[in-house]
Amino acid sequence: MWLYSWRLDTLRKRALKMSDSELQLEKQRAELLKRIGSVGDLRRGSITATSGKCGKPTCHCAKPGSSGHGPNFRLTRKVQGKTVTETFASPAALQKAQREVEEFHRFQNLCDQVVEVSEQLCAVRPIDSSLSPRKKNRGSASTGSRAGSKRAVPAQLV
């Protein structure tokens, strides 16, 4: 919450200098950041349903036309480059995971919106023309080249 209130204070201080579109975008971004702060428990991944046959000849799934066992729901996600699959012990565990995955998608959507609004703000804001001479020169090509220079070798190693 402190980030949100700090952002509003900053917004109020700069409101006198901003154009209407810039002010509107700042308000929109502040609202999005507030909504991100209200995001609940989340987890990435996708939930899928699987069905299958167990292979026992006397099981009901072996009969012609049987849909097999299932559906069995699984959460699949990547952890350090590896695919991890989690099964659910109860319908309540499945519902909890579904809420958490939905919340993750909401979080991703909000983050995408913040980036879009921030990019619009960057395009609307005026260019700061009060750069010092030193900062102005940083953008130009340097006069010397470091690529061919040799590093000094400490005396102990020679």
Protein backbone atom coordinates (compact mmCIF):
# COMPACT_ATOMS: atom_id res chain seq x y z
CA MET A 1 0.00 0.00 0.00
CA TRP A 2 2.85 2.42 0.72
CA LEU A 3 3.95 2.12 -2.91
CA TYR A 4 0.48 3.11 -4.04
CA SER A 5 0.32 6.15 -1.70
CA TRP A 6 3.86 7.20 -2.69
CA ARG A 7 2.83 6.94 -6.33
CA LEU A 8 -0.22 9.14 -5.71
CA ASP A 9 1.92 11.75 -3.94
CA THR A 10 4.34 11.78 -6.86
CA LEU A 11 1.42 12.02 -9.24
CA ARG A 12 -0.03 15.02 -7.39
CA LYS A 13 3.33 16.84 -7.37
CA ARG A 14 3.76 16.40 -11.12
CA ALA A 15 0.11 17.05 -11.97
CA LEU A 16 0.75 20.74 -12.61
CA LYS A 17 3.38 19.92 -15.24
CA MET A 18 1.53 17.08 -17.01
CA SER A 19 -0.69 17.09 -20.04
CA ASP A 20 -4.19 15.65 -19.74
CA SER A 21 -3.23 12.43 -21.53
CA GLU A 22 -0.14 12.01 -19.37
CA LEU A 23 -2.16 12.57 -16.20
CA GLN A 24 -4.80 10.07 -17.35
CA LEU A 25 -2.12 7.47 -18.09
CA GLU A 26 -0.50 8.03 -14.67
CA LYS A 27 -3.86 7.49 -12.98
CA GLN A 28 -4.47 4.38 -15.05
CA ARG A 29 -1.05 2.96 -14.12
CA ALA A 30 -1.59 3.76 -10.42
CA GLU A 31 -4.93 1.92 -10.52
CA LEU A 32 -3.32 -1.10 -12.20
CA LEU A 33 -0.55 -1.19 -9.59
CA LYS A 34 -3.19 -1.04 -6.86
CA ARG A 35 -4.98 -4.00 -8.45
CA ILE A 36 -1.70 -5.95 -8.63
CA GLY A 37 -1.37 -5.41 -4.88
CA SER A 38 -4.68 -7.22 -4.35
CA VAL A 39 -3.64 -10.38 -6.21
CA GLY A 40 -4.13 -13.49 -4.09
CA ASP A 41 -2.41 -16.86 -4.05
CA LEU A 42 -1.28 -17.90 -7.49
CA ARG A 43 0.64 -20.57 -9.30
CA ARG A 44 1.67 -21.03 -12.89
CA GLY A 45 0.84 -23.99 -15.03
CA SER A 46 -2.13 -25.53 -16.77
CA ILE A 47 -4.72 -28.01 -15.58
CA THR A 48 -5.64 -30.82 -17.95
CA ALA A 49 -7.92 -33.85 -17.77
CA THR A 50 -6.59 -37.27 -18.73
CA SER A 51 -8.34 -40.61 -19.15
CA GLY A 52 -6.86 -44.00 -19.79
CA LYS A 53 -7.11 -47.75 -19.55
CA CYS A 54 -5.25 -49.61 -16.84
CA GLY A 55 -4.46 -52.73 -18.88
CA LYS A 56 -6.13 -55.30 -16.61
CA PRO A 57 -8.22 -57.64 -18.80
CA THR A 58 -10.99 -58.00 -16.19
CA CYS A 59 -11.39 -54.25 -15.49
CA HIS A 60 -14.43 -52.33 -16.76
CA CYS A 61 -12.12 -50.16 -18.85
CA ALA A 62 -11.14 -53.16 -21.00
CA LYS A 63 -14.68 -53.61 -22.32
CA PRO A 64 -15.32 -52.33 -25.85
CA GLY A 65 -16.67 -48.79 -25.94
CA SER A 66 -15.53 -47.99 -22.39
CA SER A 67 -14.07 -44.53 -21.87
CA GLY A 68 -11.59 -45.89 -19.36
CA HIS A 69 -10.62 -44.43 -16.01
CA GLY A 70 -10.96 -40.75 -15.46
CA PRO A 71 -11.05 -37.96 -15.97
CA ASN A 72 -8.00 -37.43 -13.80
CA PHE A 73 -6.96 -33.81 -13.45
CA ARG A 74 -3.32 -32.76 -13.40
CA LEU A 75 -1.45 -29.50 -13.00
CA THR A 76 1.56 -29.31 -15.31
CA ARG A 77 4.24 -26.62 -15.03
CA LYS A 78 7.94 -26.04 -15.68
CA VAL A 79 10.37 -25.88 -12.76
CA GLN A 80 14.00 -25.12 -13.61
CA GLY A 81 13.48 -26.36 -17.17
CA LYS A 82 11.83 -29.64 -16.13
CA THR A 83 8.14 -30.49 -16.51
CA VAL A 84 6.49 -31.19 -13.16
CA THR A 85 3.05 -32.79 -12.94
CA GLU A 86 0.87 -32.72 -9.86
CA THR A 87 -2.27 -34.80 -9.35
CA PHE A 88 -5.06 -33.82 -6.98
CA ALA A 89 -6.18 -35.93 -4.04
CA SER A 90 -9.67 -34.43 -3.89
CA PRO A 91 -12.09 -32.23 -5.82
CA ALA A 92 -11.41 -29.48 -3.25
CA ALA A 93 -7.68 -29.59 -4.08
CA LEU A 94 -8.53 -29.32 -7.78
CA GLN A 95 -10.80 -26.31 -7.19
CA LYS A 96 -8.10 -24.61 -5.11
CA ALA A 97 -5.52 -25.15 -7.87
CA GLN A 98 -7.96 -23.85 -10.51
CA ARG A 99 -8.45 -20.63 -8.52
CA GLU A 100 -4.68 -20.22 -8.14
CA VAL A 101 -4.02 -20.75 -11.85
CA GLU A 102 -6.80 -18.26 -12.71
CA GLU A 103 -5.23 -15.76 -10.33
CA PHE A 104 -1.87 -16.23 -12.07
CA HIS A 105 -3.50 -15.46 -15.42
CA ARG A 106 -5.10 -12.34 -13.89
CA PHE A 107 -1.69 -11.27 -12.56
CA GLN A 108 -0.09 -11.76 -16.00
CA ASN A 109 -2.84 -9.74 -17.63
CA LEU A 110 -2.41 -6.88 -15.13
CA CYS A 111 1.38 -6.88 -15.67
CA ASP A 112 0.88 -6.71 -19.45
CA GLN A 113 -1.48 -3.76 -18.98
CA VAL A 114 1.05 -1.93 -16.76
CA VAL A 115 3.72 -2.36 -19.43
CA GLU A 116 1.38 -1.09 -22.15
CA VAL A 117 0.43 2.01 -20.14
CA SER A 118 4.06 2.64 -19.22
CA GLU A 119 5.08 2.46 -22.87
CA GLN A 120 2.35 4.98 -23.72
CA LEU A 121 3.62 7.22 -20.94
CA CYS A 122 7.16 7.04 -22.29
CA ALA A 123 5.89 8.12 -25.71
CA VAL A 124 3.85 11.02 -24.27
CA ARG A 125 6.41 12.45 -21.85
CA PRO A 126 8.51 15.32 -23.17
CA ILE A 127 12.22 14.86 -23.74
CA ASP A 128 14.31 16.37 -20.94
CA SER A 129 16.42 19.05 -22.59
CA SER A 130 18.23 20.05 -19.40
CA LEU A 131 21.06 17.55 -19.75
CA SER A 132 24.47 18.58 -18.53
CA PRO A 133 27.25 18.83 -21.15
CA ARG A 134 28.81 15.63 -19.80
CA LYS A 135 25.55 13.66 -20.20
CA LYS A 136 25.07 15.09 -23.69
CA ASN A 137 28.50 13.80 -24.76
CA ARG A 138 27.87 10.27 -23.49
CA GLY A 139 25.60 9.60 -26.43
CA SER A 140 28.31 10.41 -29.00
CA ALA A 141 30.99 8.03 -30.22
CA SER A 142 34.10 7.96 -28.10
CA THR A 143 37.35 9.29 -29.51
CA GLY A 144 39.53 6.47 -28.26
CA SER A 145 39.21 2.74 -28.69
CA ARG A 146 39.59 0.32 -25.84
CA ALA A 147 39.43 -2.75 -28.03
CA GLY A 148 43.11 -2.62 -28.97
CA SER A 149 44.44 -1.45 -25.61
CA LYS A 150 46.40 -3.84 -23.44
CA ARG A 151 45.72 -4.36 -19.80
CA ALA A 152 48.52 -3.58 -17.44
CA VAL A 153 50.07 -6.71 -15.93
CA PRO A 154 50.93 -6.50 -12.22
CA ALA A 155 54.68 -6.44 -11.53
CA GLN A 156 54.50 -9.65 -9.48
CA LEU A 157 53.38 -11.69 -12.48
CA VAL A 158 56.10 -10.46 -14.86
